[in-house]
Protein backbone atom coordinates (compact mmCIF):
# COMPACT_ATOMS: atom_id res chain seq x y z
CA MET A 1 -80.96 -20.46 -87.98
CA MET A 2 -80.42 -23.69 -86.05
CA ASP A 3 -76.83 -22.65 -85.32
CA ASP A 4 -78.03 -19.42 -83.70
CA VAL A 5 -80.53 -21.29 -81.52
CA SER A 6 -77.84 -23.77 -80.41
CA LEU A 7 -75.50 -20.90 -79.50
CA LEU A 8 -78.21 -19.22 -77.41
CA VAL A 9 -79.01 -22.46 -75.61
CA SER A 10 -75.30 -23.02 -74.82
CA LEU A 11 -74.88 -19.48 -73.46
CA ALA A 12 -77.98 -19.86 -71.31
CA ALA A 13 -76.69 -23.13 -69.91
CA LEU A 14 -73.32 -21.59 -69.07
CA PHE A 15 -75.01 -18.65 -67.38
CA LEU A 16 -77.16 -21.00 -65.28
CA VAL A 17 -74.10 -23.01 -64.21
CA ALA A 18 -72.27 -19.81 -63.23
CA VAL A 19 -75.24 -18.60 -61.17
CA ILE A 20 -75.52 -21.95 -59.38
CA PHE A 21 -71.73 -21.93 -58.63
CA LEU A 22 -71.75 -18.38 -57.26
CA TRP A 23 -74.83 -19.06 -55.14
CA SER A 24 -73.35 -22.21 -53.58
CA ARG A 25 -70.05 -20.43 -52.91
CA ARG A 26 -71.85 -17.54 -51.23
CA ARG A 27 -73.70 -20.00 -48.98
CA ARG A 28 -70.38 -21.57 -47.91
CA LEU A 29 -68.81 -18.17 -47.19
CA LEU A 30 -71.85 -17.09 -45.16
CA ALA A 31 -71.76 -20.33 -43.19
CA GLU A 32 -68.04 -19.94 -42.42
CA GLN A 33 -68.51 -16.28 -41.44
CA GLN A 34 -71.40 -17.21 -39.12
CA LYS A 35 -69.24 -19.93 -37.54
CA LEU A 36 -66.39 -17.47 -36.92
CA VAL A 37 -68.78 -14.93 -35.37
CA GLN A 38 -70.21 -17.63 -33.11
CA GLN A 39 -66.71 -18.69 -31.97
CA ALA A 40 -65.74 -15.07 -31.26
CA GLN A 41 -68.90 -14.57 -29.19
CA GLU A 42 -68.22 -17.73 -27.19
CA MET A 43 -64.62 -16.65 -26.46
CA SER A 44 -65.80 -13.17 -25.44
CA GLY A 45 -68.39 -14.70 -23.14
CA ARG A 46 -65.77 -16.89 -21.46
CA ARG A 47 -63.51 -13.89 -20.89
CA ARG A 48 -66.34 -11.88 -19.30
CA ALA A 49 -67.27 -14.81 -17.09
CA ALA A 50 -63.67 -15.28 -15.99
CA ALA A 51 -63.30 -11.57 -15.22
CA ALA A 52 -66.53 -11.54 -13.21
CA SER A 53 -65.60 -14.63 -11.18
CA PRO A 54 -63.88 -13.66 -7.89
CA THR A 55 -62.17 -17.04 -7.64
CA SER A 56 -60.64 -17.00 -11.08
CA GLU A 57 -56.85 -16.96 -11.10
CA PRO A 58 -54.50 -16.60 -14.03
CA GLU A 59 -52.81 -19.75 -15.11
CA THR A 60 -49.29 -19.88 -13.75
CA VAL A 61 -46.27 -21.84 -14.83
CA PRO A 62 -44.15 -23.09 -11.94
CA LEU A 63 -40.61 -21.64 -12.02
CA LEU A 64 -37.67 -23.97 -11.63
CA PRO A 65 -35.14 -22.94 -9.00
CA GLU A 66 -32.02 -21.19 -10.25
CA PRO A 67 -29.22 -23.74 -10.49
CA THR A 68 -26.37 -22.85 -8.17
CA VAL A 69 -22.97 -23.39 -9.73
CA PRO A 70 -20.15 -23.42 -7.21
CA PRO A 71 -16.93 -21.61 -8.14
CA PRO A 72 -14.56 -23.92 -9.95
CA ALA A 73 -12.19 -25.72 -7.67
CA PRO A 74 -8.58 -25.06 -8.65
CA ARG A 75 -6.55 -28.13 -9.42
CA GLN A 76 -3.00 -28.90 -8.50
CA ALA A 77 -0.48 -26.45 -9.90
CA ASP A 78 0.47 -27.15 -13.49
CA GLY A 79 3.57 -25.19 -14.44
CA SER A 80 4.15 -27.10 -17.66
CA ARG A 81 1.97 -24.60 -19.53
CA LEU A 82 4.18 -21.64 -18.63
CA PRO A 83 7.15 -20.29 -20.58
CA ASN A 84 10.58 -20.51 -18.97
CA SER A 85 10.75 -16.73 -18.80
CA LEU A 86 8.25 -13.91 -18.82
CA PRO A 87 7.28 -13.08 -22.43
CA TRP A 88 8.11 -9.68 -23.81
CA VAL A 89 5.13 -7.77 -25.20
CA GLY A 90 4.94 -4.29 -26.72
CA ARG A 91 7.04 -1.36 -25.47
CA GLN A 92 8.74 -0.88 -28.84
CA LYS A 93 8.22 2.88 -28.66
CA ALA A 94 9.86 3.01 -25.22
CA LEU A 95 12.83 0.93 -26.40
CA SER A 96 13.30 3.19 -29.43
CA GLN A 97 13.27 6.28 -27.23
CA LEU A 98 15.83 4.79 -24.85
CA ALA A 99 18.07 3.95 -27.81
CA LEU A 100 17.89 7.57 -28.99
CA TRP A 101 18.81 8.89 -25.54
CA LEU A 102 21.64 6.39 -25.22
CA ALA A 103 23.13 7.69 -28.48
CA ASP A 104 22.75 11.34 -27.41
CA PRO A 105 25.89 12.58 -25.56
CA GLN A 106 23.84 15.38 -23.99
CA VAL A 107 21.60 12.95 -22.12
CA ALA A 108 23.03 11.49 -18.93
CA VAL A 109 20.03 10.72 -16.74
CA VAL A 110 16.57 9.47 -17.65
CA ARG A 111 13.71 8.91 -15.24
CA LEU A 112 11.26 6.12 -15.97
CA LEU A 113 7.74 6.81 -14.72
CA ALA A 114 4.76 4.45 -14.40
CA PRO A 115 2.31 3.33 -11.69
CA ALA A 116 3.31 0.53 -9.35
CA GLY A 117 3.26 -2.67 -11.36
CA GLY A 118 3.30 -0.70 -14.60
CA GLY A 119 6.23 -2.55 -16.16
CA LYS A 120 9.24 -0.44 -15.16
CA SER A 121 11.33 -3.29 -13.74
CA ARG A 122 10.49 -5.52 -16.70
CA LEU A 123 11.56 -2.81 -19.15
CA LEU A 124 14.86 -2.30 -17.31
CA GLN A 125 15.52 -6.03 -17.34
CA HIS A 126 14.73 -6.43 -21.04
CA TRP A 127 16.65 -3.34 -22.12
CA GLY A 128 19.65 -4.37 -20.04
CA GLU A 129 19.69 -7.79 -21.71
CA GLN A 130 19.49 -6.12 -25.12
CA MET A 131 22.41 -3.80 -24.43
CA THR A 132 24.72 -6.58 -23.30
CA THR A 133 24.47 -8.07 -26.80
CA THR A 134 24.35 -4.89 -28.91
CA HIS A 135 26.68 -2.41 -27.14
CA ALA A 136 30.23 -2.56 -25.83
CA LEU A 137 29.12 -1.12 -22.51
CA THR A 138 29.16 -2.20 -18.93
CA VAL A 139 25.53 -2.75 -17.91
CA ARG A 140 24.94 -2.92 -14.18
CA HIS A 141 21.79 -3.28 -12.09
CA CYS A 142 22.34 -1.15 -8.99
CA GLN A 143 20.89 -1.51 -5.50
CA GLN A 144 19.35 1.23 -3.38
CA SER A 145 22.04 0.71 -0.76
CA GLU A 146 24.76 1.84 -3.15
CA SER A 147 26.05 5.38 -2.89
CA LEU A 148 25.08 7.64 -5.77
CA SER A 149 28.36 9.56 -5.50
CA GLU A 150 30.33 6.31 -5.77
CA LEU A 151 28.37 5.31 -8.85
CA LEU A 152 29.04 8.67 -10.48
CA SER A 153 32.72 8.30 -9.67
CA THR A 154 32.71 4.92 -11.40
CA LEU A 155 31.07 6.46 -14.46
CA ALA A 156 33.84 9.04 -14.67
CA GLN A 157 36.32 6.22 -15.25
CA GLN A 158 34.50 4.15 -17.89
CA PRO A 159 31.41 4.25 -20.08
CA ALA A 160 28.62 2.30 -18.46
CA VAL A 161 24.88 2.07 -18.06
CA PHE A 162 23.53 1.87 -14.52
CA LEU A 163 19.98 0.64 -14.06
CA MET A 164 18.57 1.77 -10.71
CA ASP A 165 15.26 0.19 -9.76
CA GLU A 166 13.23 1.90 -7.01
CA ALA A 167 15.56 4.90 -7.14
CA ASP A 168 13.29 7.27 -5.20
CA GLY A 169 15.20 6.84 -1.96
CA MET A 170 18.57 7.19 -3.64
CA ILE A 171 17.81 10.49 -5.32
CA ALA A 172 15.54 11.81 -2.52
CA THR A 173 12.61 12.79 -4.72
CA GLN A 174 9.79 11.03 -2.90
CA ALA A 175 7.72 14.10 -2.03
CA GLU A 176 5.06 13.73 -4.72
CA GLY A 177 4.27 10.86 -7.00
CA GLY A 178 5.77 8.36 -4.59
CA ASP A 179 3.16 5.82 -5.58
CA TRP A 180 4.57 5.93 -9.09
CA GLN A 181 8.02 4.88 -7.87
CA ASN A 182 10.28 6.84 -10.21
CA ARG A 183 13.13 4.81 -11.67
CA LEU A 184 16.49 6.29 -12.59
CA LEU A 185 18.68 5.30 -15.52
CA VAL A 186 22.21 6.77 -15.51
CA LEU A 187 23.35 6.61 -19.11
CA SER A 188 26.68 8.51 -19.24
CA VAL A 189 29.04 10.72 -17.24
CA SER A 190 27.86 14.17 -18.31
CA GLN A 191 25.80 16.12 -15.80
CA THR A 192 22.43 17.75 -16.37
CA LYS A 193 20.20 19.94 -14.29
CA GLU A 194 17.31 18.16 -12.62
CA ASP A 195 14.71 20.16 -14.53
CA ALA A 196 16.33 19.06 -17.79
CA VAL A 197 16.17 15.36 -17.03
CA PRO A 198 13.95 13.64 -19.62
CA VAL A 199 11.15 11.45 -18.33
CA LEU A 200 9.87 8.35 -20.09
CA THR A 201 6.28 7.56 -19.07
CA LEU A 202 5.05 4.01 -19.58
CA GLU A 203 1.41 3.72 -20.57
CA PRO A 204 -0.78 0.70 -19.77
CA PHE A 205 -0.86 -2.08 -22.33
CA ARG A 206 -3.21 -1.54 -25.23
CA GLU A 207 -5.94 -4.11 -25.76
CA ASN A 208 -4.07 -6.09 -28.42
CA GLU A 209 -0.90 -6.12 -26.29
CA ALA A 210 -2.82 -7.35 -23.25
CA MET A 211 -4.43 -10.08 -25.36
CA GLN A 212 -1.01 -11.15 -26.63
CA LEU A 213 0.36 -11.32 -23.08
CA LEU A 214 -2.55 -13.48 -21.92
CA HIS A 215 -2.14 -15.89 -24.84
CA GLU A 216 1.62 -16.19 -24.36
CA LEU A 217 1.10 -16.93 -20.66
CA GLY A 218 -1.18 -19.83 -21.58
CA VAL A 219 -4.68 -18.36 -21.27
CA ARG A 220 -7.03 -19.76 -23.91
CA GLY A 221 -10.24 -18.11 -25.02
CA LYS A 222 -11.95 -16.16 -27.75
CA PHE A 223 -11.54 -12.41 -28.04
CA ALA A 224 -15.05 -11.78 -26.71
CA ASP A 225 -14.38 -14.02 -23.69
CA LEU A 226 -11.04 -12.42 -22.83
CA ARG A 227 -12.17 -8.84 -23.31
CA PRO A 228 -13.88 -8.44 -19.88
CA LEU A 229 -10.65 -9.57 -18.20
CA VAL A 230 -8.54 -7.15 -20.25
CA LYS A 231 -11.01 -4.30 -19.81
CA GLY A 232 -11.38 -4.84 -16.07
CA LEU A 233 -7.62 -4.83 -15.44
CA ARG A 234 -7.17 -1.79 -17.75
CA GLY A 235 -3.90 -2.92 -19.27
CA HIS A 236 -2.06 -3.13 -15.93
CA PRO A 237 1.01 -5.30 -16.76
CA LEU A 238 1.60 -6.90 -13.35
CA LEU A 239 -2.07 -7.63 -12.65
CA LEU A 240 -2.50 -9.11 -16.13
CA THR A 241 0.51 -11.34 -15.49
CA LEU A 242 -0.65 -12.51 -12.06
CA PHE A 243 -4.21 -13.24 -13.20
CA ALA A 244 -2.94 -15.01 -16.34
CA ARG A 245 -0.57 -17.14 -14.26
CA MET A 246 -3.40 -18.07 -11.88
CA ILE A 247 -5.65 -19.17 -14.76
CA SER A 248 -2.82 -21.03 -16.50
CA VAL A 249 -1.51 -22.84 -13.43
CA TYR A 250 -4.70 -23.59 -11.50
CA TYR A 251 -7.51 -23.51 -14.10
CA GLN A 252 -5.77 -25.29 -16.99
CA GLY A 253 -5.48 -22.08 -18.98
CA ASN A 254 -9.17 -22.15 -19.89
CA LEU A 255 -11.00 -18.94 -19.09
CA ALA A 256 -14.29 -20.86 -19.19
CA ASN A 257 -13.11 -22.86 -16.17
CA SER A 258 -12.76 -19.63 -14.21
CA ALA A 259 -15.87 -17.78 -15.42
CA GLN A 260 -17.23 -17.70 -11.86
CA LEU A 261 -14.16 -15.69 -10.86
CA ALA A 262 -15.12 -12.68 -13.01
CA PRO A 263 -15.81 -10.45 -9.94
CA LEU A 264 -12.10 -10.68 -9.13
CA TRP A 265 -11.18 -8.57 -12.16
CA GLU A 266 -14.09 -6.14 -12.17
CA ALA A 267 -12.91 -2.57 -12.71
CA ALA A 268 -11.51 -1.11 -9.49
CA PRO A 269 -8.31 0.59 -8.29
CA PRO A 270 -5.31 -1.72 -8.87
CA GLU A 271 -4.69 -2.07 -5.12
CA GLN A 272 -8.21 -3.43 -4.65
CA GLN A 273 -7.82 -5.87 -7.54
CA LEU A 274 -4.54 -7.13 -6.07
CA GLN A 275 -6.27 -7.56 -2.71
CA ARG A 276 -9.05 -9.58 -4.35
CA LEU A 277 -6.48 -11.83 -5.98
CA LEU A 278 -4.66 -12.41 -2.69
CA GLN A 279 -7.94 -13.17 -0.93
CA HIS A 280 -8.84 -15.72 -3.60
CA TYR A 281 -5.51 -17.45 -3.16
CA ALA A 282 -6.07 -17.50 0.60
CA SER A 283 -9.60 -18.91 0.35
CA ALA A 284 -9.47 -21.26 -2.65
CA ILE A 285 -5.93 -21.99 -3.80
CA TRP A 286 -3.69 -21.85 -0.73
CA PRO A 287 -6.11 -22.04 2.21
CA ALA A 288 -4.70 -22.22 5.72
CA PRO A 289 -2.55 -23.89 6.87
CA ALA A 290 -0.77 -23.75 3.47
CA SER A 291 2.92 -23.07 3.93
CA HIS A 292 3.04 -20.59 1.04
CA TRP A 293 1.97 -17.70 3.27
CA PRO A 294 4.79 -17.90 5.83
CA LEU A 295 7.25 -17.91 2.94
CA LEU A 296 5.56 -14.90 1.32
CA GLN A 297 5.54 -13.02 4.63
CA THR A 298 9.24 -13.79 5.10
CA LEU A 299 10.03 -12.47 1.63
CA ALA A 300 7.88 -9.40 2.18
CA ARG A 301 9.83 -8.43 5.29
CA GLN A 302 13.24 -8.64 3.70
CA GLU A 303 14.80 -7.22 0.61
CA ALA A 304 15.40 -9.51 -2.33
CA GLY A 305 17.92 -12.10 -1.27
CA ALA A 306 18.40 -15.73 -0.52
CA VAL A 307 15.35 -17.83 0.22
CA PRO A 308 15.76 -20.53 2.89
CA ASP A 309 15.10 -23.12 0.17
CA ALA A 310 14.75 -21.63 -3.31
CA GLU A 311 14.00 -25.06 -4.79
CA SER A 312 11.33 -26.03 -2.27
CA PRO A 313 7.90 -26.96 -3.67
CA GLU A 314 6.44 -23.75 -2.22
CA SER A 315 9.12 -21.56 -3.83
CA VAL A 316 8.71 -23.27 -7.20
CA GLU A 317 4.94 -22.88 -7.02
CA LEU A 318 5.28 -19.19 -6.14
CA GLN A 319 7.45 -18.81 -9.24
CA GLN A 320 4.89 -20.66 -11.37
CA ALA A 321 2.12 -18.42 -10.03
CA GLY A 322 4.10 -15.30 -10.92
CA TRP A 323 4.69 -14.01 -7.41
CA LEU A 324 8.42 -14.67 -7.74
CA GLN A 325 10.62 -14.37 -10.78
CA PRO A 326 12.04 -17.68 -12.09
CA HIS A 327 14.99 -18.86 -9.93
CA SER A 328 14.64 -15.72 -7.81
CA SER A 329 13.42 -14.69 -4.40
CA ALA A 330 12.47 -11.20 -5.53
CA LEU A 331 8.92 -10.14 -4.77
CA HIS A 332 7.67 -7.23 -6.82
CA PRO A 333 8.03 -4.09 -4.65
CA TRP A 334 4.30 -3.35 -4.95
CA VAL A 335 3.38 -6.88 -3.82
CA ARG A 336 5.95 -6.72 -1.02
CA HIS A 337 4.50 -3.45 0.21
CA HIS A 338 0.97 -4.86 0.00
CA LEU A 339 1.87 -7.95 2.04
CA ARG A 340 3.53 -5.84 4.71
CA GLU A 341 0.33 -3.93 5.43
């Protein structure tokens, strides 16, 4: 009996403790809730007062002025970063096609087609060098001044490959597509009708080829950094070479050093991009009275030939910058035409 009474007393005590705990907890929760309501009312009152006040102004944070970063100043020419000769990139498909035509006795004439600065002269140079080591043929770079009939007469006497750069005037086919500057390759002595002459069209460099060219010309940078340059110039071989040479020679090959120059290679017609590049040289790299410009103007007004002083500092720097070929006075025809205007 006593055990039952003790059990009831214990249960009653536990119940009383639980009631006291729950009651005290409820009081704390009610107090916290009342405090939160009071704070919300005070904040609401301050907002209404601020909205009603005609002199209230939103808090403002003073803006710092935009820092102005001047375009990077080019340093003295550094040609040590450049290869001794222009690197060869891509064009394997074109070389394979030329090899097939060279082996075909039915093919005598091939026309090479690409926009100005599209890599025609470079392909002729590279292919000619290849043939001198792989074929027992006479390989000859012809001039526009040479007579086509005399060249054909020479071909009748011996197997040879004639490479004719800027052949439009020689073959009198300048009516349409003159801006593309057709090039003529005479590959053997057999004759073909003009409408049967095969045409090899050179496409712009693909993105990976353009990237390779930039790297081999000494331009450093991550893929994401180089992509705007490649995209803006749209795979144009000569423009890629000239811009890469400028960055390598005058901006230490680091694209980050020339980030302010990005407007120069924004997408535009190639002629406009070349004009931008020339203007940048005139304003920032070779400003007047730099003696580079008289030399360029002299070269632009004459065909490729002897320079008054091919080893002068100006001539060497023009070669380093890509305007002249190494140990040459030859301006690219497109650049020569542009400087004459």
